[in-house]
Amino acid sequence: MNFKRYGRPAVIAVAAALALSSCAANEGTATTESAAPESTLSGTINAAGASSQGSAQEAWIASFQTANPNVTINYDPSGSGAGRTTFAAGGSDFAGSDSYLKDEELAAGFASCAPGTSAVDLPVYISPIAVIFNVDGVTDLNLDASTLAKIFKGDITTWNDPAIAALNPKAKLPATPITAVHRSDDSGTTKNFTDYLGQVAPDVWTEKAADAFPFQTGEGAQGTSGVVDAVTNGVGTIGYADASRAGDLGVAKIKVGDEFVGYTAEAAAAVVNDSPLVEGRADDDIAIQIDRLTTDPTHYPLVLVSYAIVCTDYADAAQGELVKSYVGYMASAEGQAEAAKSAGAAPLSTELQDKVAAVIATIK
C-alpha cells in the first residue's frame, strides 16, 4: 500500500483496557490464583453511522464490554451520512462511515473535538460490496460495469435484455421487469458503488460518486437491511449491499480485466493494499483512494473501506480515552479477527493495522 504521505512515527499502542479479568480455578486443597488486572475503564460511548459495520459492531461491543464491564457502548447503524452529521454536531463520540470525510466537512469542524483541532478517518472495516439479485430460475449471473450501470440508471429494464444475455449465454433469463433497489438514505455504500460505476463505466454513469443515489429510478430502501429485505421479498430484483449481509441471495460476478470475479475477503483486502492514500489530507488521516480500474482478477474493486471517524483531541479528555481504547480494539489484530469471524470482513493488513494504531496512540 502507498503510505508515502503518512508522516507520524509508527507508535503502536496496546490499549490497557483490553485486559480480561480471570481467576484460576480451585484444584484440590492447593490453590494458586493468577488474576489479570481488572479494567478500570468506565463510562458510555455513543456512536452512529455505517450500517455495513452493524454485524462487526455487535461483535466488537460484546467482546469489549466483556473485557470492560463498566463500559457501555451504543452504536446506531443509521447510515454513513447520518453518522457523520451526528458526530459533527456533537451527538456522538465517533462516526462509522463507508466514505471518508469530505473537504467541506473537515472545514466545518466537529463539536466533540477540542477547539482548533479536527477529526481523522481511520479504516477499521474492509468488505466487498455484493451485487445481490433475486431472479426466478437464475442462480449464476455475470455483469460488467457498463451493464450494471445501465440497470441501475434505468436504461436496461428487463432481465432478458440482449446486453445481459450476451454476458450470460448459458442462463435462462426471463422477460421479468428489473427492479433495481438502491439505498434511500445517504450511504457510504452508495458512494462506493457509484464511485465504481463512474470510474469503470464513465460513458454510462455520468454522475459523480455521492452518498445519495443520483437517479429517480428503481426502488429505494432504508439501510443495508432494507435493501436486502427488498431484494429478498421482491420479484426480479437486484441491489447492492455489504457482502456480509448477502445471505442466501444470488450474488453476481463482476468483470475485472478479462475475467468475471466473485467477491472474497482476500480479493477485497488485496485491492485495498494496492490502493494509494487520498492526496491533500493531514498526515494522520488514513483515507484510501480505492483502485477501481484494476485489471488484476485477484482483486475485487467493488469494495468499501469503512472508517471510524474520531477526534485527534477530544474536548472531554476522559471521553477521548474511552474512544481511544475502543477504536484501538476495533483496529487491532484481535478486533479484526473478530470482525472476520462475525461479519466476514477482510482484516486490515498488518501494515495498515500499524498505521492506524500509530494514529490512535496520539488521540487525547
Protein backbone atom coordinates (compact mmCIF):
# COMPACT_ATOMS: atom_id res chain seq x y z
CA MET A 1 0.00 0.00 0.00
CA ASN A 2 1.21 3.51 -0.76
CA PHE A 3 1.72 5.27 2.58
CA LYS A 4 4.21 7.92 1.41
CA ARG A 5 2.01 10.73 2.72
CA TYR A 6 1.95 9.27 6.23
CA GLY A 7 4.40 11.18 8.39
CA ARG A 8 3.89 10.37 12.10
CA PRO A 9 6.12 7.85 13.86
CA ALA A 10 4.64 4.40 13.97
CA VAL A 11 3.90 4.26 17.66
CA ILE A 12 1.87 1.19 18.40
CA ALA A 13 -0.43 1.47 21.36
CA VAL A 14 -1.77 -1.53 23.15
CA ALA A 15 -4.91 -0.44 24.96
CA ALA A 16 -4.72 -1.35 28.61
CA ALA A 17 -8.49 -1.58 28.53
CA LEU A 18 -8.33 -4.94 26.80
CA ALA A 19 -7.15 -6.86 29.87
CA LEU A 20 -9.57 -9.63 30.74
CA SER A 21 -10.46 -10.41 34.33
CA SER A 22 -9.92 -14.05 35.16
CA CYS A 23 -9.28 -16.21 38.19
CA ALA A 24 -7.60 -19.57 38.35
CA ALA A 25 -9.90 -22.42 39.22
CA ASN A 26 -9.52 -24.15 42.59
CA GLU A 27 -7.78 -27.50 42.31
CA GLY A 28 -7.99 -29.67 45.44
CA THR A 29 -6.51 -28.08 48.56
CA ALA A 30 -3.64 -26.38 46.72
CA THR A 31 -4.93 -23.18 45.16
CA THR A 32 -2.91 -20.76 43.06
CA GLU A 33 -4.74 -17.66 41.91
CA SER A 34 -3.46 -15.67 38.95
CA ALA A 35 -5.83 -12.88 38.07
CA ALA A 36 -5.26 -10.38 35.28
CA PRO A 37 -5.77 -6.76 36.32
CA GLU A 38 -9.38 -5.71 36.21
CA SER A 39 -10.29 -2.99 33.76
CA THR A 40 -10.53 0.47 35.28
CA LEU A 41 -12.38 1.93 32.30
CA SER A 42 -15.89 3.18 32.88
CA GLY A 43 -18.39 5.30 31.02
CA THR A 44 -20.58 5.29 27.94
CA ILE A 45 -19.65 5.62 24.28
CA ASN A 46 -22.33 6.68 21.83
CA ALA A 47 -21.60 6.21 18.14
CA ALA A 48 -23.60 6.14 14.94
CA GLY A 49 -23.11 5.58 11.24
CA ALA A 50 -22.47 2.90 8.65
CA SER A 51 -24.96 0.06 8.71
CA SER A 52 -22.35 -2.07 6.93
CA GLN A 53 -20.46 -2.18 10.23
CA GLY A 54 -23.55 -3.41 12.06
CA SER A 55 -22.59 -7.07 12.49
CA ALA A 56 -18.99 -6.23 13.28
CA GLN A 57 -20.04 -3.60 15.82
CA GLU A 58 -22.27 -6.10 17.60
CA ALA A 59 -19.33 -8.48 17.94
CA TRP A 60 -16.85 -5.77 18.89
CA ILE A 61 -19.18 -4.33 21.51
CA ALA A 62 -19.88 -7.71 23.09
CA SER A 63 -16.18 -8.53 23.33
CA PHE A 64 -15.10 -5.10 24.58
CA GLN A 65 -17.84 -4.85 27.19
CA THR A 66 -16.97 -8.32 28.48
CA ALA A 67 -13.40 -7.18 29.00
CA ASN A 68 -14.54 -3.82 30.37
CA PRO A 69 -17.77 -4.45 32.31
CA ASN A 70 -18.13 -0.82 33.42
CA VAL A 71 -18.23 0.47 29.86
CA THR A 72 -21.43 0.74 27.82
CA ILE A 73 -21.24 1.18 24.05
CA ASN A 74 -24.19 2.17 21.90
CA TYR A 75 -23.91 2.04 18.10
CA ASP A 76 -26.78 3.27 15.92
CA PRO A 77 -26.47 1.90 12.32
CA SER A 78 -28.23 4.97 10.93
CA GLY A 79 -26.13 5.19 7.77
CA SER A 80 -22.82 6.84 6.97
CA GLY A 81 -24.20 10.27 6.15
CA ALA A 82 -26.33 10.43 9.27
CA GLY A 83 -23.43 9.19 11.36
CA ARG A 84 -21.07 11.90 10.12
CA THR A 85 -23.73 14.57 10.66
CA THR A 86 -24.41 13.38 14.21
CA PHE A 87 -20.72 13.30 15.06
CA ALA A 88 -20.07 16.75 13.61
CA ALA A 89 -22.90 18.16 15.73
CA GLY A 90 -21.51 16.59 18.91
CA GLY A 91 -24.25 13.99 19.24
CA SER A 92 -21.86 11.04 19.21
CA ASP A 93 -18.30 10.25 20.21
CA PHE A 94 -17.26 8.87 16.84
CA ALA A 95 -18.83 8.05 13.50
CA GLY A 96 -18.77 4.91 11.41
CA SER A 97 -18.64 5.79 7.72
CA ASP A 98 -18.20 3.91 4.46
CA SER A 99 -16.86 7.08 2.87
CA TYR A 100 -14.15 9.34 4.20
CA LEU A 101 -14.82 12.91 5.28
CA LYS A 102 -15.36 15.47 2.54
CA ASP A 103 -13.14 18.54 2.47
CA GLU A 104 -16.10 20.74 3.37
CA GLU A 105 -16.93 18.51 6.35
CA LEU A 106 -13.36 18.83 7.60
CA ALA A 107 -13.51 22.60 7.19
CA ALA A 108 -16.80 22.90 9.12
CA GLY A 109 -15.40 21.48 12.35
CA PHE A 110 -16.62 18.99 14.95
CA ALA A 111 -18.35 19.82 18.21
CA SER A 112 -16.84 16.94 20.19
CA CYS A 113 -13.27 17.90 19.28
CA ALA A 114 -11.13 20.33 21.25
CA PRO A 115 -11.13 23.87 19.81
CA GLY A 116 -8.67 24.30 16.99
CA THR A 117 -8.42 20.56 16.29
CA SER A 118 -10.12 18.32 13.76
CA ALA A 119 -11.14 14.74 13.03
CA VAL A 120 -9.45 11.99 11.02
CA ASP A 121 -10.53 8.92 9.05
CA LEU A 122 -9.24 5.60 10.40
CA PRO A 123 -10.01 2.43 8.39
CA VAL A 124 -11.39 -0.29 10.63
CA TYR A 125 -13.52 -2.47 8.34
CA ILE A 126 -12.96 -3.72 4.79
CA SER A 127 -15.71 -5.51 2.94
CA PRO A 128 -16.71 -6.35 -0.60
CA ILE A 129 -19.97 -4.87 -1.86
CA ALA A 130 -22.11 -7.69 -3.20
CA VAL A 131 -24.42 -7.22 -6.18
CA ILE A 132 -27.34 -9.25 -4.88
CA PHE A 133 -30.22 -10.48 -7.03
CA ASN A 134 -33.42 -12.49 -6.88
CA VAL A 135 -34.46 -13.71 -10.32
CA ASP A 136 -36.55 -16.84 -10.81
CA GLY A 137 -34.51 -19.58 -12.48
CA VAL A 138 -31.20 -17.69 -12.37
CA THR A 139 -28.51 -18.82 -9.97
CA ASP A 140 -25.37 -17.52 -11.66
CA LEU A 141 -25.04 -14.05 -13.13
CA ASN A 142 -22.18 -12.20 -14.82
CA LEU A 143 -22.27 -8.42 -15.16
CA ASP A 144 -19.77 -5.91 -16.43
CA ALA A 145 -19.70 -2.35 -15.13
CA SER A 146 -21.42 -0.87 -18.18
CA THR A 147 -24.37 -3.27 -17.97
CA LEU A 148 -24.64 -2.83 -14.21
CA ALA A 149 -24.66 0.95 -14.65
CA LYS A 150 -27.41 0.74 -17.26
CA ILE A 151 -29.52 -1.43 -14.95
CA PHE A 152 -29.32 1.00 -12.03
CA LYS A 153 -29.69 4.03 -14.28
CA GLY A 154 -32.87 2.53 -15.74
CA ASP A 155 -31.59 2.05 -19.29
CA ILE A 156 -31.95 -1.74 -19.09
CA THR A 157 -35.38 -2.73 -17.80
CA THR A 158 -35.89 -6.48 -18.36
CA TRP A 159 -33.80 -9.47 -17.41
CA ASN A 160 -33.66 -10.90 -20.92
CA ASP A 161 -32.16 -7.71 -22.34
CA PRO A 162 -29.56 -8.52 -25.04
CA ALA A 163 -26.76 -6.90 -23.04
CA ILE A 164 -27.36 -9.21 -20.05
CA ALA A 165 -27.90 -12.22 -22.33
CA ALA A 166 -24.56 -11.64 -24.07
CA LEU A 167 -22.74 -11.88 -20.75
CA ASN A 168 -24.71 -14.96 -19.66
CA PRO A 169 -25.10 -17.21 -22.74
CA LYS A 170 -25.97 -20.31 -20.69
CA ALA A 171 -28.55 -18.65 -18.45
CA LYS A 172 -32.30 -18.86 -18.99
CA LEU A 173 -33.16 -15.22 -18.49
CA PRO A 174 -36.85 -14.40 -18.05
CA ALA A 175 -38.64 -11.41 -19.54
CA THR A 176 -39.34 -10.25 -15.98
CA PRO A 177 -39.04 -6.50 -15.39
CA ILE A 178 -35.98 -5.46 -13.39
CA THR A 179 -36.46 -3.76 -10.04
CA ALA A 180 -33.15 -2.16 -9.10
CA VAL A 181 -33.06 -1.46 -5.36
CA HIS A 182 -30.84 1.34 -4.08
CA ARG A 183 -30.34 2.98 -0.70
CA SER A 184 -32.85 5.72 0.06
CA ASP A 185 -30.69 7.20 2.84
CA ASP A 186 -27.29 8.85 2.50
CA SER A 187 -24.96 5.91 2.39
CA GLY A 188 -21.25 5.31 2.06
CA THR A 189 -22.11 2.01 0.41
CA THR A 190 -23.88 4.00 -2.30
CA LYS A 191 -20.88 6.31 -2.63
CA ASN A 192 -18.55 3.34 -3.12
CA PHE A 193 -20.95 1.67 -5.54
CA THR A 194 -21.41 4.82 -7.62
CA ASP A 195 -17.67 5.53 -7.49
CA TYR A 196 -17.05 2.11 -9.01
CA LEU A 197 -19.63 2.64 -11.76
CA GLY A 198 -18.40 6.16 -12.51
CA GLN A 199 -14.78 5.10 -12.82
CA VAL A 200 -15.23 1.83 -14.69
CA ALA A 201 -18.22 2.80 -16.88
CA PRO A 202 -17.90 6.61 -17.21
CA ASP A 203 -19.70 6.74 -20.56
CA VAL A 204 -22.85 5.37 -18.89
CA TRP A 205 -22.60 6.56 -15.28
CA THR A 206 -22.06 10.28 -15.69
CA GLU A 207 -22.91 11.32 -12.13
CA LYS A 208 -20.21 11.87 -9.50
CA ALA A 209 -19.87 9.45 -6.61
CA ALA A 210 -22.10 10.54 -3.76
CA ASP A 211 -23.77 9.25 -0.59
CA ALA A 212 -27.17 9.93 -2.15
CA PHE A 213 -28.29 7.76 -5.06
CA PRO A 214 -28.40 10.16 -8.03
CA PHE A 215 -31.26 8.88 -10.21
CA GLN A 216 -35.03 8.74 -9.75
CA THR A 217 -35.18 5.11 -10.85
CA GLY A 218 -35.83 1.74 -9.29
CA GLU A 219 -36.82 1.38 -5.65
CA GLY A 220 -35.27 3.00 -2.60
CA ALA A 221 -34.84 1.22 0.72
CA GLN A 222 -33.54 2.39 4.10
CA GLY A 223 -30.25 0.95 5.26
CA THR A 224 -28.46 -2.25 4.35
CA SER A 225 -31.21 -4.36 5.91
CA GLY A 226 -33.84 -2.51 3.88
CA VAL A 227 -32.07 -3.23 0.60
CA VAL A 228 -31.57 -6.89 1.49
CA ASP A 229 -35.23 -7.24 2.53
CA ALA A 230 -36.47 -5.56 -0.66
CA VAL A 231 -34.36 -7.81 -2.88
CA THR A 232 -35.33 -10.92 -0.89
CA ASN A 233 -39.06 -10.21 -0.94
CA GLY A 234 -39.29 -8.80 -4.44
CA VAL A 235 -39.53 -10.34 -7.91
CA GLY A 236 -36.81 -9.74 -10.47
CA THR A 237 -34.86 -7.63 -8.00
CA ILE A 238 -31.24 -6.56 -7.86
CA GLY A 239 -29.40 -4.42 -5.30
CA TYR A 240 -26.08 -3.73 -3.67
CA ALA A 241 -25.14 -4.36 -0.06
CA ASP A 242 -22.28 -5.17 2.25
CA ALA A 243 -21.32 -8.73 1.36
CA SER A 244 -21.73 -9.91 4.95
CA ARG A 245 -25.47 -9.43 4.52
CA ALA A 246 -25.92 -11.27 1.21
CA GLY A 247 -27.19 -14.42 2.91
CA ASP A 248 -28.77 -16.91 0.51
CA LEU A 249 -29.42 -14.39 -2.26
CA GLY A 250 -27.79 -14.74 -5.65
CA VAL A 251 -24.59 -12.73 -6.00
CA ALA A 252 -23.36 -11.55 -9.38
CA LYS A 253 -19.76 -11.79 -10.56
CA ILE A 254 -18.29 -8.58 -11.92
CA LYS A 255 -15.83 -8.23 -14.78
CA VAL A 256 -12.25 -7.49 -13.79
CA GLY A 257 -9.89 -7.40 -16.75
CA ASP A 258 -10.92 -10.31 -18.93
CA GLU A 259 -12.49 -12.43 -16.19
CA PHE A 260 -15.68 -12.44 -14.14
CA VAL A 261 -14.79 -12.34 -10.47
CA GLY A 262 -16.80 -13.19 -7.38
CA TYR A 263 -16.08 -11.42 -4.14
CA THR A 264 -13.82 -12.83 -1.44
CA ALA A 265 -12.36 -11.23 1.65
CA GLU A 266 -8.89 -11.87 0.25
CA ALA A 267 -9.66 -10.14 -3.06
CA ALA A 268 -11.13 -7.17 -1.21
CA ALA A 269 -8.08 -6.85 1.04
CA ALA A 270 -5.76 -7.12 -1.96
CA VAL A 271 -7.23 -4.16 -3.82
CA VAL A 272 -7.13 -2.02 -0.66
CA ASN A 273 -3.50 -2.87 0.00
CA ASP A 274 -2.55 -1.81 -3.54
CA SER A 275 -4.50 1.46 -3.41
CA PRO A 276 -2.99 4.87 -2.56
CA LEU A 277 -3.99 7.28 0.14
CA VAL A 278 -6.14 10.27 -0.74
CA GLU A 279 -3.94 13.23 -1.58
CA GLY A 280 -4.06 16.55 0.25
CA ARG A 281 -5.11 15.21 3.65
CA ALA A 282 -3.43 15.59 7.04
CA ASP A 283 -0.58 13.19 7.76
CA ASP A 284 -2.66 11.31 10.33
CA ASP A 285 -5.73 10.95 8.10
CA ILE A 286 -5.75 7.49 6.52
CA ALA A 287 -8.37 7.94 3.79
CA ILE A 288 -7.84 5.45 0.96
CA GLN A 289 -8.48 6.00 -2.76
CA ILE A 290 -9.60 2.58 -3.98
CA ASP A 291 -8.13 1.46 -7.31
CA ARG A 292 -11.40 0.69 -9.12
CA LEU A 293 -9.67 0.36 -12.51
CA THR A 294 -7.54 -2.65 -11.65
CA THR A 295 -7.49 -5.44 -14.24
CA ASP A 296 -5.99 -7.95 -11.81
CA PRO A 297 -8.53 -10.79 -11.36
CA THR A 298 -7.15 -11.49 -7.87
CA HIS A 299 -8.58 -8.10 -6.86
CA TYR A 300 -12.23 -7.24 -6.28
CA PRO A 301 -12.60 -3.49 -6.92
CA LEU A 302 -16.23 -3.15 -5.83
CA VAL A 303 -15.19 -2.83 -2.22
CA LEU A 304 -15.76 -0.44 0.64
CA VAL A 305 -13.40 0.68 3.33
CA SER A 306 -15.37 1.70 6.38
CA TYR A 307 -13.86 4.19 8.78
CA ALA A 308 -14.03 5.19 12.40
CA ILE A 309 -14.06 8.99 12.27
CA VAL A 310 -12.58 10.29 15.51
CA CYS A 311 -11.22 13.49 17.01
CA THR A 312 -7.47 13.82 17.29
CA ASP A 313 -8.10 15.78 20.50
CA TYR A 314 -11.38 15.48 22.39
CA ALA A 315 -12.94 18.38 24.25
CA ASP A 316 -13.63 15.86 27.03
CA ALA A 317 -10.32 14.09 27.67
CA ALA A 318 -11.94 11.24 29.61
CA GLN A 319 -14.26 10.55 26.70
CA GLY A 320 -11.28 10.63 24.39
CA GLU A 321 -9.60 7.89 26.43
CA LEU A 322 -12.71 5.72 26.12
CA VAL A 323 -12.88 6.20 22.35
CA LYS A 324 -9.14 5.61 22.06
CA SER A 325 -9.45 2.27 23.85
CA TYR A 326 -12.49 1.04 21.95
CA VAL A 327 -11.43 2.11 18.45
CA GLY A 328 -7.97 0.77 19.25
CA TYR A 329 -9.55 -2.60 19.92
CA MET A 330 -11.62 -2.44 16.70
CA ALA A 331 -8.50 -1.88 14.59
CA SER A 332 -6.28 -4.34 16.47
CA ALA A 333 -5.41 -7.83 15.26
CA GLU A 334 -7.87 -9.24 17.83
CA GLY A 335 -10.65 -6.90 16.73
CA GLN A 336 -10.04 -7.57 13.06
CA ALA A 337 -10.14 -11.32 13.66
CA GLU A 338 -13.47 -10.88 15.45
CA ALA A 339 -14.90 -8.88 12.52
CA ALA A 340 -13.69 -11.52 10.07
CA LYS A 341 -15.33 -14.29 12.10
CA SER A 342 -18.59 -12.49 12.86
CA ALA A 343 -19.13 -10.35 9.76
CA GLY A 344 -16.97 -11.90 7.03
CA ALA A 345 -14.84 -8.75 6.85
CA ALA A 346 -11.40 -8.67 5.28
CA PRO A 347 -8.89 -7.95 8.06
CA LEU A 348 -6.67 -4.91 7.73
CA SER A 349 -3.15 -5.86 6.68
CA THR A 350 -0.51 -5.80 9.40
CA GLU A 351 0.98 -2.69 7.79
CA LEU A 352 -2.35 -0.89 7.83
CA GLN A 353 -3.09 -2.01 11.40
CA ASP A 354 0.23 -0.48 12.44
CA LYS A 355 -0.52 2.81 10.72
CA VAL A 356 -3.94 3.05 12.34
CA ALA A 357 -2.52 2.12 15.77
CA ALA A 358 0.09 4.86 15.44
CA VAL A 359 -2.63 7.49 14.99
CA ILE A 360 -4.81 6.05 17.75
CA ALA A 361 -1.84 6.31 20.14
CA THR A 362 -1.89 10.09 19.69
CA ILE A 363 -5.60 10.59 20.47
CA LYS A 364 -6.20 12.60 23.61
